[in-house]
Protein backbone atom coordinates (compact mmCIF):
# COMPACT_ATOMS: atom_id res chain seq x y z
CA MET A 1 97.62 108.01 106.82
CA PRO A 2 96.44 110.66 103.92
CA SER A 3 93.25 112.17 103.44
CA PRO A 4 91.14 111.15 101.06
CA ILE A 5 92.10 114.01 99.05
CA ALA A 6 94.91 113.01 98.79
CA HIS A 7 93.44 109.47 97.73
CA ALA A 8 91.47 110.77 95.22
CA ILE A 9 94.34 112.99 93.39
CA VAL A 10 96.23 109.90 93.47
CA GLY A 11 93.58 107.49 92.16
CA VAL A 12 93.16 110.09 89.44
CA THR A 13 96.81 110.65 88.64
CA ALA A 14 97.32 106.31 88.83
CA GLY A 15 94.02 105.48 86.17
CA TRP A 16 95.05 108.20 83.98
CA ILE A 17 98.88 106.73 83.84
CA VAL A 18 96.72 103.78 82.89
CA ASP A 19 94.30 105.61 80.90
CA PRO A 20 94.79 108.89 79.51
CA PRO A 21 92.30 111.61 79.31
CA ALA A 22 90.13 111.86 76.16
CA PRO A 23 89.76 115.74 76.65
CA GLY A 24 86.58 117.01 78.10
CA GLU A 25 85.89 113.41 79.45
CA LYS A 26 85.25 113.47 83.36
CA THR A 27 83.36 110.49 84.50
CA ARG A 28 86.24 108.14 84.05
CA ALA A 29 88.20 110.48 86.94
CA LEU A 30 85.54 110.20 88.68
CA ALA A 31 85.65 106.99 88.77
CA TYR A 32 89.36 106.86 89.84
CA ALA A 33 88.87 109.40 92.01
CA ALA A 34 86.34 107.23 93.90
CA ALA A 35 88.42 103.93 93.10
CA GLY A 36 91.61 105.62 95.35
CA MET A 37 89.05 106.53 98.28
CA ALA A 38 86.99 103.49 98.50
CA ALA A 39 89.33 100.74 100.52
CA ASP A 40 88.84 103.76 103.30
CA LEU A 41 85.19 102.52 103.72
CA ASP A 42 86.49 99.73 105.79
CA LEU A 43 85.91 102.44 108.13
CA LEU A 44 82.28 102.02 108.26
CA VAL A 45 82.42 98.74 110.06
CA GLY A 46 85.97 99.56 112.07
CA ALA A 47 88.50 97.58 109.96
CA HIS A 48 90.54 99.33 108.91
CA SER A 49 93.48 98.43 106.66
CA GLY A 50 92.71 95.11 106.64
CA PRO A 51 91.81 93.35 103.70
CA THR A 52 90.68 96.16 101.89
CA HIS A 53 94.07 98.20 102.02
CA GLY A 54 95.55 94.78 100.12
CA ILE A 55 96.62 93.96 96.55
CA GLY A 56 94.17 91.56 96.77
CA ALA A 57 91.24 93.85 97.13
CA ALA A 58 92.36 95.36 93.96
CA ALA A 59 92.38 92.53 92.05
CA MET A 60 89.04 91.80 92.98
CA VAL A 61 88.38 95.43 92.21
CA GLY A 62 89.44 95.36 88.67
CA ILE A 63 87.59 91.61 88.11
CA VAL A 64 84.26 93.17 89.04
CA SER A 65 84.77 96.62 87.44
CA TRP A 66 85.40 94.16 83.86
CA LEU A 67 82.71 92.23 84.81
CA VAL A 68 80.52 95.02 85.80
CA ALA A 69 81.83 97.19 82.77
CA GLY A 70 84.36 96.09 80.31
CA ARG A 71 83.14 93.22 79.22
CA ALA A 72 80.68 95.32 77.24
CA ARG A 73 83.23 97.07 75.67
CA ALA A 74 86.80 94.51 75.17
CA PRO A 75 88.99 95.37 74.77
CA ARG A 76 88.48 99.22 75.81
CA GLY A 77 87.35 97.43 79.11
CA VAL A 78 90.46 95.71 80.25
CA VAL A 79 92.39 99.26 80.11
CA VAL A 80 89.51 100.86 82.10
CA ALA A 81 89.14 97.91 84.87
CA SER A 82 92.97 97.75 84.59
CA ALA A 83 93.06 101.50 85.68
CA ILE A 84 90.69 101.12 88.13
CA ALA A 85 92.39 98.48 89.52
CA ILE A 86 95.43 100.59 89.69
CA ALA A 87 93.86 103.85 91.47
CA TYR A 88 92.76 101.30 93.68
CA ALA A 89 96.21 100.03 94.60
CA SER A 90 97.33 103.78 95.24
CA HIS A 91 95.15 103.70 98.14
CA THR A 92 98.38 100.38 99.34
CA LEU A 93 100.51 102.60 98.27
CA LEU A 94 99.86 105.92 100.19
CA ASP A 95 99.15 104.45 103.39
CA TRP A 96 101.70 102.16 103.38
CA LEU A 97 103.70 105.92 102.82
CA GLY A 98 101.87 107.49 105.41
CA THR A 99 102.17 107.96 109.06
CA ASP A 100 100.05 105.11 111.17
CA SER A 101 98.88 106.25 114.89
CA SER A 102 96.24 103.75 115.41
CA THR A 103 96.70 100.12 116.15
CA PRO A 104 97.18 97.50 114.67
CA ILE A 105 99.86 99.92 112.96
CA GLY A 106 100.54 99.67 108.94
CA ILE A 107 98.48 98.24 106.31
CA MET A 108 97.51 94.56 104.96
CA ALA A 109 99.27 95.00 101.72
CA LEU A 110 99.79 91.71 100.74
CA TRP A 111 96.45 90.28 101.09
CA PRO A 112 95.72 87.63 100.54
CA PHE A 113 99.15 86.14 100.79
CA SER A 114 99.81 87.26 104.17
CA HIS A 115 97.80 88.58 106.75
CA GLU A 116 101.05 91.22 108.50
CA TYR A 117 100.37 94.27 108.89
CA TYR A 118 103.44 96.95 106.79
CA GLU A 119 104.29 99.81 108.08
CA SER A 120 106.93 101.69 105.30
CA PRO A 121 109.90 103.49 106.96
CA TRP A 122 109.77 106.56 105.16
CA HIS A 123 106.61 108.85 106.65
CA VAL A 124 106.26 111.19 103.95
CA PHE A 125 102.56 111.88 105.29
CA MET A 126 101.29 112.72 108.50
CA ALA A 127 98.56 111.25 109.98
CA ILE A 128 95.11 112.87 109.53
CA SER A 129 93.34 113.38 112.75
CA ARG A 130 89.34 111.58 113.43
CA ARG A 131 89.29 113.25 116.71
CA TYR A 132 87.33 116.36 115.56
CA TRP A 133 86.53 116.77 119.49
CA LEU A 134 89.61 117.99 120.31
CA PRO A 135 90.83 121.82 119.92
CA GLU A 136 93.99 121.11 117.56
CA PHE A 137 92.02 118.60 114.84
CA TRP A 138 91.93 122.01 112.08
CA ARG A 139 95.31 123.21 112.43
CA PHE A 140 96.75 119.68 112.31
CA ASN A 141 94.75 118.19 109.26
CA LEU A 142 95.32 121.24 107.71
CA LEU A 143 98.44 120.87 107.34
CA ALA A 144 98.94 117.86 106.90
CA LEU A 145 96.82 118.37 104.01
CA GLY A 146 98.87 121.40 102.65
CA ARG A 147 101.62 119.15 102.53
CA GLU A 148 99.95 116.61 100.60
CA LEU A 149 99.23 119.03 98.55
CA LEU A 150 102.70 119.98 97.96
CA ILE A 151 103.72 116.74 97.51
CA LEU A 152 100.89 115.47 94.97
CA ILE A 153 99.93 118.49 93.06
CA PRO A 154 102.90 118.32 91.05
CA ILE A 155 103.43 114.73 90.51
CA ALA A 156 99.44 114.85 89.50
CA VAL A 157 100.14 117.83 86.83
CA LEU A 158 103.66 116.16 85.40
CA VAL A 159 101.18 112.81 84.63
CA LEU A 160 98.83 115.12 82.45
CA ALA A 161 101.36 117.04 80.67
CA VAL A 162 102.86 113.78 79.67
CA ARG A 163 99.68 111.54 79.49
CA GLY A 164 96.84 113.92 78.83
CA ARG A 165 98.44 115.03 75.54
CA PRO A 166 94.99 114.54 72.98
CA ARG A 167 96.08 111.60 71.16
CA THR A 168 96.54 112.42 67.67
CA THR A 169 96.03 110.08 64.13
CA SER A 170 98.76 110.29 61.67
CA ALA A 171 97.59 111.31 58.18
CA ALA A 172 98.32 108.78 55.33
């Protein structure tokens, strides 16, 4: 499964696809990064790759985002809540494309519609080791991180170049 850094980069990138950044604005980028990493909070309760990695969880995050912040700023709040939900859902895509080395293999990508675990036939991202006591921990994880950055940074730069252009207003 990809690193938290990869999840943050893709969370921001996914959020910007829906809600491009305003010049000098950083708060939403932090929210999208946090949303991209949030599914892994399930590690704290020993239930990794379960329901928090499904599309149902992404929908719930979007609804809660809209209830907390969006309703006060409708219709703009719908856009921000949608971007947060997409940023959260990006975690599912990355983990699906990642190498999983712990059972159960895969993620509950379609939760709550299915409790099956799904794994992509394409292992784009290397597994990140949590076994910090092993001698190869740093070498292996830095190699995995380097690969992630080589893949994801160009995509993020492209999205920023296309979607991050300042909005122009036409003169009447």
